[in-house]
Amino acid sequence: LKSSVPLRMLLDSVRSTIAVEMITGEVYRGYLLEVQENMNCRMNNITITYRDGRTRHLDHVFIRGSKIRFMVLPDHLMDKFKDH
């Protein structure tokens, strides 16, 4: 099964720090441990920034892929995927 470019980029981001904005507006920034084909993500060392600016630290979090608005991935991936 050939995966899409966004999923391949996300899979290549494992073991990197990423930021994930949820459809509810919270931003989760932390270390990506695992990604599933449906874009569910397991992360650790998380800082959550709420819509009102408050922050909170969590050790581990599981993010459901269907609740993600967008992600900020490491810059080094842009060179790898710029021709796709």
PDB file of N, CA and C in Angstrom:
ATOM      1  N   LEU A   1       0.846  -1.187   0.000  1.00  0.00           N
ATOM      2  CA  LEU A   1       0.000   0.000   0.000  1.00  0.00           C
ATOM      3  C   LEU A   1       0.887   1.244   0.000  1.00  0.00           C
ATOM      4  N   LYS A   2       0.726   2.074  -1.024  1.00  0.00           N
ATOM      5  CA  LYS A   2       1.522   3.294  -1.121  1.00  0.00           C
ATOM      6  C   LYS A   2       0.834   4.396  -0.313  1.00  0.00           C
ATOM      7  N   SER A   3       1.588   5.025   0.583  1.00  0.00           N
ATOM      8  CA  SER A   3       1.011   6.072   1.420  1.00  0.00           C
ATOM      9  C   SER A   3       1.135   7.426   0.739  1.00  0.00           C
ATOM     10  N   SER A   4       0.286   8.351   1.168  1.00  0.00           N
ATOM     11  CA  SER A   4       0.283   9.698   0.610  1.00  0.00           C
ATOM     12  C   SER A   4       1.509  10.480   1.080  1.00  0.00           C
ATOM     13  N   VAL A   5       1.812  11.556   0.384  1.00  0.00           N
ATOM     14  CA  VAL A   5       2.957  12.392   0.761  1.00  0.00           C
ATOM     15  C   VAL A   5       2.788  12.950   2.178  1.00  0.00           C
ATOM     16  N   PRO A   6       1.614  13.482   2.565  1.00  0.00           N
ATOM     17  CA  PRO A   6       1.506  13.979   3.947  1.00  0.00           C
ATOM     18  C   PRO A   6       1.780  12.890   4.990  1.00  0.00           C
ATOM     19  N   LEU A   7       1.274  11.687   4.766  1.00  0.00           N
ATOM     20  CA  LEU A   7       1.519  10.614   5.720  1.00  0.00           C
ATOM     21  C   LEU A   7       2.992  10.212   5.730  1.00  0.00           C
ATOM     22  N   ARG A   8       3.620  10.148   4.574  1.00  0.00           N
ATOM     23  CA  ARG A   8       5.049   9.820   4.526  1.00  0.00           C
ATOM     24  C   ARG A   8       5.871  10.883   5.252  1.00  0.00           C
ATOM     25  N   MET A   9       5.503  12.162   5.076  1.00  0.00           N
ATOM     26  CA  MET A   9       6.212  13.230   5.788  1.00  0.00           C
ATOM     27  C   MET A   9       6.049  13.068   7.295  1.00  0.00           C
ATOM     28  N   LEU A  10       4.840  12.736   7.717  1.00  0.00           N
ATOM     29  CA  LEU A  10       4.594  12.558   9.137  1.00  0.00           C
ATOM     30  C   LEU A  10       5.370  11.356   9.670  1.00  0.00           C
ATOM     31  N   LEU A  11       5.399  10.263   8.918  1.00  0.00           N
ATOM     32  CA  LEU A  11       6.162   9.089   9.333  1.00  0.00           C
ATOM     33  C   LEU A  11       7.657   9.410   9.439  1.00  0.00           C
ATOM     34  N   ASP A  12       8.159  10.246   8.545  1.00  0.00           N
ATOM     35  CA  ASP A  12       9.564  10.655   8.599  1.00  0.00           C
ATOM     36  C   ASP A  12       9.848  11.622   9.748  1.00  0.00           C
ATOM     37  N   SER A  13       8.802  12.157  10.364  1.00  0.00           N
ATOM     38  CA  SER A  13       8.957  13.090  11.485  1.00  0.00           C
ATOM     39  C   SER A  13       9.055  12.377  12.830  1.00  0.00           C
ATOM     40  N   VAL A  14       8.842  11.058  12.838  1.00  0.00           N
ATOM     41  CA  VAL A  14       8.958  10.313  14.094  1.00  0.00           C
ATOM     42  C   VAL A  14      10.359  10.532  14.660  1.00  0.00           C
ATOM     43  N   ARG A  15      10.443  10.701  15.956  1.00  0.00           N
ATOM     44  CA  ARG A  15      11.671  11.017  16.689  1.00  0.00           C
ATOM     45  C   ARG A  15      12.124  12.458  16.441  1.00  0.00           C
ATOM     46  N   SER A  16      11.164  13.327  16.115  1.00  0.00           N
ATOM     47  CA  SER A  16      11.432  14.768  15.955  1.00  0.00           C
ATOM     48  C   SER A  16      10.405  15.535  16.784  1.00  0.00           C
ATOM     49  N   THR A  17      10.695  16.809  17.006  1.00  0.00           N
ATOM     50  CA  THR A  17       9.745  17.681  17.682  1.00  0.00           C
ATOM     51  C   THR A  17       8.826  18.299  16.647  1.00  0.00           C
ATOM     52  N   ILE A  18       7.514  18.207  16.893  1.00  0.00           N
ATOM     53  CA  ILE A  18       6.520  18.769  15.979  1.00  0.00           C
ATOM     54  C   ILE A  18       5.508  19.575  16.785  1.00  0.00           C
ATOM     55  N   ALA A  19       4.690  20.335  16.080  1.00  0.00           N
ATOM     56  CA  ALA A  19       3.567  21.043  16.692  1.00  0.00           C
ATOM     57  C   ALA A  19       2.296  20.604  15.974  1.00  0.00           C
ATOM     58  N   VAL A  20       1.241  20.393  16.739  1.00  0.00           N
ATOM     59  CA  VAL A  20      -0.039  19.931  16.201  1.00  0.00           C
ATOM     60  C   VAL A  20      -1.124  20.885  16.688  1.00  0.00           C
ATOM     61  N   GLU A  21      -1.853  21.505  15.757  1.00  0.00           N
ATOM     62  CA  GLU A  21      -3.008  22.312  16.152  1.00  0.00           C
ATOM     63  C   GLU A  21      -4.257  21.481  15.969  1.00  0.00           C
ATOM     64  N   MET A  22      -5.061  21.439  17.012  1.00  0.00           N
ATOM     65  CA  MET A  22      -6.298  20.669  17.005  1.00  0.00           C
ATOM     66  C   MET A  22      -7.439  21.508  16.434  1.00  0.00           C
ATOM     67  N   ILE A  23      -8.513  20.862  16.021  1.00  0.00           N
ATOM     68  CA  ILE A  23      -9.662  21.595  15.482  1.00  0.00           C
ATOM     69  C   ILE A  23     -10.300  22.495  16.535  1.00  0.00           C
ATOM     70  N   THR A  24     -10.023  22.235  17.811  1.00  0.00           N
ATOM     71  CA  THR A  24     -10.544  23.060  18.905  1.00  0.00           C
ATOM     72  C   THR A  24      -9.642  24.252  19.223  1.00  0.00           C
ATOM     73  N   GLY A  25      -8.458  24.339  18.575  1.00  0.00           N
ATOM     74  CA  GLY A  25      -7.588  25.497  18.742  1.00  0.00           C
ATOM     75  C   GLY A  25      -6.375  25.289  19.636  1.00  0.00           C
ATOM     76  N   GLU A  26      -6.329  24.214  20.404  1.00  0.00           N
ATOM     77  CA  GLU A  26      -5.153  23.970  21.239  1.00  0.00           C
ATOM     78  C   GLU A  26      -3.983  23.550  20.363  1.00  0.00           C
ATOM     79  N   VAL A  27      -2.770  23.903  20.803  1.00  0.00           N
ATOM     80  CA  VAL A  27      -1.546  23.510  20.091  1.00  0.00           C
ATOM     81  C   VAL A  27      -0.728  22.618  21.013  1.00  0.00           C
ATOM     82  N   TYR A  28      -0.396  21.437  20.515  1.00  0.00           N
ATOM     83  CA  TYR A  28       0.434  20.468  21.229  1.00  0.00           C
ATOM     84  C   TYR A  28       1.812  20.481  20.581  1.00  0.00           C
ATOM     85  N   ARG A  29       2.833  20.773  21.375  1.00  0.00           N
ATOM     86  CA  ARG A  29       4.207  20.773  20.850  1.00  0.00           C
ATOM     87  C   ARG A  29       5.017  19.785  21.664  1.00  0.00           C
ATOM     88  N   GLY A  30       5.653  18.824  20.951  1.00  0.00           N
ATOM     89  CA  GLY A  30       6.426  17.828  21.660  1.00  0.00           C
ATOM     90  C   GLY A  30       7.091  16.836  20.721  1.00  0.00           C
ATOM     91  N   TYR A  31       7.594  15.775  21.297  1.00  0.00           N
ATOM     92  CA  TYR A  31       8.388  14.770  20.611  1.00  0.00           C
ATOM     93  C   TYR A  31       7.466  13.676  20.072  1.00  0.00           C
ATOM     94  N   LEU A  32       7.493  13.459  18.762  1.00  0.00           N
ATOM     95  CA  LEU A  32       6.635  12.470  18.113  1.00  0.00           C
ATOM     96  C   LEU A  32       7.244  11.081  18.262  1.00  0.00           C
ATOM     97  N   LEU A  33       6.516  10.187  18.913  1.00  0.00           N
ATOM     98  CA  LEU A  33       6.987   8.828  19.161  1.00  0.00           C
ATOM     99  C   LEU A  33       6.485   7.825  18.132  1.00  0.00           C
ATOM    100  N   GLU A  34       5.233   7.986  17.707  1.00  0.00           N
ATOM    101  CA  GLU A  34       4.608   6.987  16.835  1.00  0.00           C
ATOM    102  C   GLU A  34       3.486   7.627  16.037  1.00  0.00           C
ATOM    103  N   VAL A  35       3.311   7.142  14.799  1.00  0.00           N
ATOM    104  CA  VAL A  35       2.224   7.595  13.932  1.00  0.00           C
ATOM    105  C   VAL A  35       1.529   6.364  13.357  1.00  0.00           C
ATOM    106  N   GLN A  36       0.206   6.416  13.292  1.00  0.00           N
ATOM    107  CA  GLN A  36      -0.563   5.357  12.661  1.00  0.00           C
ATOM    108  C   GLN A  36      -1.047   5.830  11.291  1.00  0.00           C
ATOM    109  N   GLU A  37      -1.516   4.909  10.457  1.00  0.00           N
ATOM    110  CA  GLU A  37      -1.938   5.267   9.100  1.00  0.00           C
ATOM    111  C   GLU A  37      -3.083   6.277   9.077  1.00  0.00           C
ATOM    112  N   ASN A  38      -3.914   6.300  10.113  1.00  0.00           N
ATOM    113  CA  ASN A  38      -5.010   7.260  10.195  1.00  0.00           C
ATOM    114  C   ASN A  38      -4.572   8.584  10.822  1.00  0.00           C
ATOM    115  N   MET A  39      -3.245   8.767  10.961  1.00  0.00           N
ATOM    116  CA  MET A  39      -2.591   9.962  11.483  1.00  0.00           C
ATOM    117  C   MET A  39      -2.769  10.151  12.986  1.00  0.00           C
ATOM    118  N   ASN A  40      -3.247   9.116  13.690  1.00  0.00           N
ATOM    119  CA  ASN A  40      -3.195   9.164  15.152  1.00  0.00           C
ATOM    120  C   ASN A  40      -1.733   9.254  15.546  1.00  0.00           C
ATOM    121  N   CYS A  41      -1.450  10.041  16.574  1.00  0.00           N
ATOM    122  CA  CYS A  41      -0.064  10.280  16.985  1.00  0.00           C
ATOM    123  C   CYS A  41       0.096  10.040  18.479  1.00  0.00           C
ATOM    124  N   ARG A  42       1.219   9.447  18.831  1.00  0.00           N
ATOM    125  CA  ARG A  42       1.611   9.312  20.238  1.00  0.00           C
ATOM    126  C   ARG A  42       2.828  10.192  20.420  1.00  0.00           C
ATOM    127  N   MET A  43       2.761  11.094  21.415  1.00  0.00           N
ATOM    128  CA  MET A  43       3.825  12.070  21.650  1.00  0.00           C
ATOM    129  C   MET A  43       4.183  12.083  23.126  1.00  0.00           C
ATOM    130  N   ASN A  44       5.405  12.578  23.428  1.00  0.00           N
ATOM    131  CA  ASN A  44       5.770  12.793  24.826  1.00  0.00           C
ATOM    132  C   ASN A  44       6.429  14.157  24.983  1.00  0.00           C
ATOM    133  N   ASN A  45       6.650  14.528  26.261  1.00  0.00           N
ATOM    134  CA  ASN A  45       7.231  15.826  26.609  1.00  0.00           C
ATOM    135  C   ASN A  45       6.462  16.958  25.918  1.00  0.00           C
ATOM    136  N   ILE A  46       5.186  17.029  26.193  1.00  0.00           N
ATOM    137  CA  ILE A  46       4.250  17.918  25.501  1.00  0.00           C
ATOM    138  C   ILE A  46       4.049  19.222  26.262  1.00  0.00           C
ATOM    139  N   THR A  47       4.012  20.314  25.520  1.00  0.00           N
ATOM    140  CA  THR A  47       3.517  21.583  26.041  1.00  0.00           C
ATOM    141  C   THR A  47       2.256  21.920  25.267  1.00  0.00           C
ATOM    142  N   ILE A  48       1.148  22.044  25.977  1.00  0.00           N
ATOM    143  CA  ILE A  48      -0.120  22.430  25.358  1.00  0.00           C
ATOM    144  C   ILE A  48      -0.292  23.927  25.549  1.00  0.00           C
ATOM    145  N   THR A  49      -0.620  24.613  24.473  1.00  0.00           N
ATOM    146  CA  THR A  49      -0.985  26.028  24.562  1.00  0.00           C
ATOM    147  C   THR A  49      -2.471  26.128  24.221  1.00  0.00           C
ATOM    148  N   TYR A  50      -3.246  26.597  25.181  1.00  0.00           N
ATOM    149  CA  TYR A  50      -4.691  26.726  24.990  1.00  0.00           C
ATOM    150  C   TYR A  50      -5.010  28.004  24.225  1.00  0.00           C
ATOM    151  N   ARG A  51      -6.208  28.090  23.731  1.00  0.00           N
ATOM    152  CA  ARG A  51      -6.621  29.245  22.920  1.00  0.00           C
ATOM    153  C   ARG A  51      -6.469  30.564  23.665  1.00  0.00           C
ATOM    154  N   ASP A  52      -6.626  30.549  24.981  1.00  0.00           N
ATOM    155  CA  ASP A  52      -6.508  31.785  25.773  1.00  0.00           C
ATOM    156  C   ASP A  52      -5.063  32.092  26.181  1.00  0.00           C
ATOM    157  N   GLY A  53      -4.091  31.272  25.717  1.00  0.00           N
ATOM    158  CA  GLY A  53      -2.689  31.535  25.993  1.00  0.00           C
ATOM    159  C   GLY A  53      -2.103  30.766  27.164  1.00  0.00           C
ATOM    160  N   ARG A  54      -2.949  30.148  27.974  1.00  0.00           N
ATOM    161  CA  ARG A  54      -2.429  29.334  29.090  1.00  0.00           C
ATOM    162  C   ARG A  54      -1.646  28.157  28.535  1.00  0.00           C
ATOM    163  N   THR A  55      -0.670  27.675  29.310  1.00  0.00           N
ATOM    164  CA  THR A  55       0.102  26.505  28.897  1.00  0.00           C
ATOM    165  C   THR A  55       0.057  25.444  29.998  1.00  0.00           C
ATOM    166  N   ARG A  56       0.337  24.217  29.587  1.00  0.00           N
ATOM    167  CA  ARG A  56       0.372  23.091  30.516  1.00  0.00           C
ATOM    168  C   ARG A  56       1.353  22.068  29.970  1.00  0.00           C
ATOM    169  N   HIS A  57       2.052  21.382  30.858  1.00  0.00           N
ATOM    170  CA  HIS A  57       2.987  20.342  30.443  1.00  0.00           C
ATOM    171  C   HIS A  57       2.392  18.964  30.717  1.00  0.00           C
ATOM    172  N   LEU A  58       2.527  18.057  29.755  1.00  0.00           N
ATOM    173  CA  LEU A  58       2.121  16.660  29.919  1.00  0.00           C
ATOM    174  C   LEU A  58       3.286  15.762  29.534  1.00  0.00           C
ATOM    175  N   ASP A  59       3.404  14.639  30.208  1.00  0.00           N
ATOM    176  CA  ASP A  59       4.462  13.688  29.874  1.00  0.00           C
ATOM    177  C   ASP A  59       4.153  12.926  28.592  1.00  0.00           C
ATOM    178  N   HIS A  60       2.910  12.453  28.447  1.00  0.00           N
ATOM    179  CA  HIS A  60       2.516  11.657  27.284  1.00  0.00           C
ATOM    180  C   HIS A  60       1.134  12.082  26.819  1.00  0.00           C
ATOM    181  N   VAL A  61       0.887  11.946  25.513  1.00  0.00           N
ATOM    182  CA  VAL A  61      -0.434  12.239  24.977  1.00  0.00           C
ATOM    183  C   VAL A  61      -0.655  11.394  23.725  1.00  0.00           C
ATOM    184  N   PHE A  62      -1.904  11.014  23.496  1.00  0.00           N
ATOM    185  CA  PHE A  62      -2.321  10.333  22.276  1.00  0.00           C
ATOM    186  C   PHE A  62      -3.290  11.264  21.567  1.00  0.00           C
ATOM    187  N   ILE A  63      -3.003  11.604  20.331  1.00  0.00           N
ATOM    188  CA  ILE A  63      -3.820  12.547  19.568  1.00  0.00           C
ATOM    189  C   ILE A  63      -4.533  11.788  18.456  1.00  0.00           C
ATOM    190  N   ARG A  64      -5.826  11.952  18.395  1.00  0.00           N
ATOM    191  CA  ARG A  64      -6.624  11.305  17.356  1.00  0.00           C
ATOM    192  C   ARG A  64      -6.473  12.085  16.047  1.00  0.00           C
ATOM    193  N   GLY A  65      -6.123  11.387  14.985  1.00  0.00           N
ATOM    194  CA  GLY A  65      -5.857  12.029  13.704  1.00  0.00           C
ATOM    195  C   GLY A  65      -7.016  12.838  13.152  1.00  0.00           C
ATOM    196  N   SER A  66      -8.242  12.399  13.390  1.00  0.00           N
ATOM    197  CA  SER A  66      -9.414  13.104  12.862  1.00  0.00           C
ATOM    198  C   SER A  66      -9.670  14.440  13.558  1.00  0.00           C
ATOM    199  N   LYS A  67      -8.969  14.708  14.640  1.00  0.00           N
ATOM    200  CA  LYS A  67      -9.151  15.964  15.393  1.00  0.00           C
ATOM    201  C   LYS A  67      -8.049  16.986  15.107  1.00  0.00           C
ATOM    202  N   ILE A  68      -7.159  16.676  14.158  1.00  0.00           N
ATOM    203  CA  ILE A  68      -6.032  17.554  13.835  1.00  0.00           C
ATOM    204  C   ILE A  68      -6.426  18.540  12.740  1.00  0.00           C
ATOM    205  N   ARG A  69      -6.129  19.827  12.967  1.00  0.00           N
ATOM    206  CA  ARG A  69      -6.331  20.846  11.938  1.00  0.00           C
ATOM    207  C   ARG A  69      -5.103  20.922  11.033  1.00  0.00           C
ATOM    208  N   PHE A  70      -3.912  21.088  11.626  1.00  0.00           N
ATOM    209  CA  PHE A  70      -2.671  21.070  10.856  1.00  0.00           C
ATOM    210  C   PHE A  70      -1.500  20.746  11.766  1.00  0.00           C
ATOM    211  N   MET A  71      -0.359  20.463  11.125  1.00  0.00           N
ATOM    212  CA  MET A  71       0.860  20.136  11.852  1.00  0.00           C
ATOM    213  C   MET A  71       2.009  20.965  11.314  1.00  0.00           C
ATOM    214  N   VAL A  72       2.957  21.269  12.183  1.00  0.00           N
ATOM    215  CA  VAL A  72       4.210  21.915  11.782  1.00  0.00           C
ATOM    216  C   VAL A  72       5.297  20.869  11.972  1.00  0.00           C
ATOM    217  N   LEU A  73       5.892  20.457  10.853  1.00  0.00           N
ATOM    218  CA  LEU A  73       6.888  19.391  10.850  1.00  0.00           C
ATOM    219  C   LEU A  73       8.282  19.978  10.729  1.00  0.00           C
ATOM    220  N   PRO A  74       9.316  19.190  10.986  1.00  0.00           N
ATOM    221  CA  PRO A  74      10.696  19.696  10.899  1.00  0.00           C
ATOM    222  C   PRO A  74      11.036  20.228   9.499  1.00  0.00           C
ATOM    223  N   ASP A  75      11.808  21.304   9.457  1.00  0.00           N
ATOM    224  CA  ASP A  75      12.184  21.944   8.197  1.00  0.00           C
ATOM    225  C   ASP A  75      12.971  21.027   7.268  1.00  0.00           C
ATOM    226  N   HIS A  76      13.775  20.126   7.820  1.00  0.00           N
ATOM    227  CA  HIS A  76      14.616  19.282   6.971  1.00  0.00           C
ATOM    228  C   HIS A  76      13.795  18.380   6.043  1.00  0.00           C
ATOM    229  N   LEU A  77      12.521  18.186   6.330  1.00  0.00           N
ATOM    230  CA  LEU A  77      11.680  17.347   5.467  1.00  0.00           C
ATOM    231  C   LEU A  77      11.316  18.046   4.160  1.00  0.00           C
ATOM    232  N   MET A  78      11.363  19.352   4.146  1.00  0.00           N
ATOM    233  CA  MET A  78      10.987  20.092   2.938  1.00  0.00           C
ATOM    234  C   MET A  78      11.892  19.742   1.764  1.00  0.00           C
ATOM    235  N   ASP A  79      13.190  19.605   2.004  1.00  0.00           N
ATOM    236  CA  ASP A  79      14.108  19.248   0.923  1.00  0.00           C
ATOM    237  C   ASP A  79      13.833  17.847   0.405  1.00  0.00           C
ATOM    238  N   LYS A  80      13.506  16.947   1.294  1.00  0.00           N
ATOM    239  CA  LYS A  80      13.261  15.560   0.898  1.00  0.00           C
ATOM    240  C   LYS A  80      12.006  15.416   0.037  1.00  0.00           C
ATOM    241  N   PHE A  81      10.981  16.232   0.289  1.00  0.00           N
ATOM    242  CA  PHE A  81       9.695  16.061  -0.378  1.00  0.00           C
ATOM    243  C   PHE A  81       9.351  17.189  -1.350  1.00  0.00           C
ATOM    244  N   LYS A  82      10.269  18.095  -1.639  1.00  0.00           N
ATOM    245  CA  LYS A  82       9.926  19.250  -2.473  1.00  0.00           C
ATOM    246  C   LYS A  82       9.544  18.890  -3.896  1.00  0.00           C
ATOM    247  N   ASP A  83       9.974  17.743  -4.400  1.00  0.00           N
ATOM    248  CA  ASP A  83       9.647  17.345  -5.767  1.00  0.00           C
ATOM    249  C   ASP A  83       8.368  16.521  -5.869  1.00  0.00           C
ATOM    250  N   HIS A  84       7.686  16.245  -4.760  1.00  0.00           N
ATOM    251  CA  HIS A  84       6.490  15.417  -4.794  1.00  0.00           C
ATOM    252  C   HIS A  84       5.273  16.242  -4.949  1.00  0.00           C
TER     253      HIS A  84
END
